[in-house]
Amino acid sequence: MGNLKNTGDKTILRIVGEEKPLEGAVSVAPTLEDLYLYYFQEEER
């Protein structure tokens, strides 16, 4: 599950999950939006 944002000349893809999706992925602190996406995605399963 992820969230895609365009900020001017950059595109930011945030992926919420238990494992790194790619070797070059960087871990960041979760936001409230990440928590919301994670929680409601889990309920859909």
C-alpha atoms as a PDB file:
ATOM      1  CA  MET A   1       0.000   0.000   0.000  1.00  0.00           C
ATOM      2  CA  GLY A   2       1.342   3.429  -0.772  1.00  0.00           C
ATOM      3  CA  ASN A   3       0.746   7.102  -1.194  1.00  0.00           C
ATOM      4  CA  LEU A   4       1.953   9.173  -4.154  1.00  0.00           C
ATOM      5  CA  LYS A   5       2.466  12.954  -3.891  1.00  0.00           C
ATOM      6  CA  ASN A   6       3.705  15.455  -6.452  1.00  0.00           C
ATOM      7  CA  THR A   7       5.541  18.372  -4.861  1.00  0.00           C
ATOM      8  CA  GLY A   8       6.646  20.760  -7.577  1.00  0.00           C
ATOM      9  CA  ASP A   9       9.405  19.019  -9.527  1.00  0.00           C
ATOM     10  CA  LYS A  10       9.548  15.928  -7.260  1.00  0.00           C
ATOM     11  CA  THR A  11       7.344  12.890  -6.823  1.00  0.00           C
ATOM     12  CA  ILE A  12       7.333  11.223  -3.424  1.00  0.00           C
ATOM     13  CA  LEU A  13       6.159   7.637  -3.036  1.00  0.00           C
ATOM     14  CA  ARG A  14       5.547   6.472   0.504  1.00  0.00           C
ATOM     15  CA  ILE A  15       5.068   2.740   0.903  1.00  0.00           C
ATOM     16  CA  VAL A  16       3.720   1.391   4.174  1.00  0.00           C
ATOM     17  CA  GLY A  17       4.654  -2.180   4.978  1.00  0.00           C
ATOM     18  CA  GLU A  18       6.561  -4.607   7.124  1.00  0.00           C
ATOM     19  CA  GLU A  19       9.501  -5.014   4.698  1.00  0.00           C
ATOM     20  CA  LYS A  20      11.568  -2.767   2.439  1.00  0.00           C
ATOM     21  CA  PRO A  21      10.041  -2.888  -1.056  1.00  0.00           C
ATOM     22  CA  LEU A  22      13.381  -2.158  -2.775  1.00  0.00           C
ATOM     23  CA  GLU A  23      17.000  -2.273  -1.688  1.00  0.00           C
ATOM     24  CA  GLY A  24      17.407   1.509  -2.078  1.00  0.00           C
ATOM     25  CA  ALA A  25      14.273   2.354  -0.052  1.00  0.00           C
ATOM     26  CA  VAL A  26      14.743   4.704   2.886  1.00  0.00           C
ATOM     27  CA  SER A  27      12.860   4.246   6.165  1.00  0.00           C
ATOM     28  CA  VAL A  28      11.161   7.362   7.512  1.00  0.00           C
ATOM     29  CA  ALA A  29       8.994   8.114  10.527  1.00  0.00           C
ATOM     30  CA  PRO A  30       5.334   7.321   9.845  1.00  0.00           C
ATOM     31  CA  THR A  31       2.735  10.072   9.634  1.00  0.00           C
ATOM     32  CA  LEU A  32      -0.877   9.987  10.760  1.00  0.00           C
ATOM     33  CA  GLU A  33      -1.829   9.537   7.105  1.00  0.00           C
ATOM     34  CA  ASP A  34       0.426   6.457   6.919  1.00  0.00           C
ATOM     35  CA  LEU A  35      -1.273   5.023  10.001  1.00  0.00           C
ATOM     36  CA  TYR A  36      -4.714   5.663   8.507  1.00  0.00           C
ATOM     37  CA  LEU A  37      -3.785   3.985   5.209  1.00  0.00           C
ATOM     38  CA  TYR A  38      -2.225   1.024   7.000  1.00  0.00           C
ATOM     39  CA  TYR A  39      -5.155   0.518   9.359  1.00  0.00           C
ATOM     40  CA  PHE A  40      -7.917   0.723   6.768  1.00  0.00           C
ATOM     41  CA  GLN A  41      -6.004  -1.332   4.198  1.00  0.00           C
ATOM     42  CA  GLU A  42      -5.743  -4.111   6.794  1.00  0.00           C
ATOM     43  CA  GLU A  43      -9.526  -4.032   7.379  1.00  0.00           C
ATOM     44  CA  GLU A  44     -10.179  -4.567   3.647  1.00  0.00           C
ATOM     45  CA  ARG A  45      -8.332  -7.904   3.621  1.00  0.00           C
END
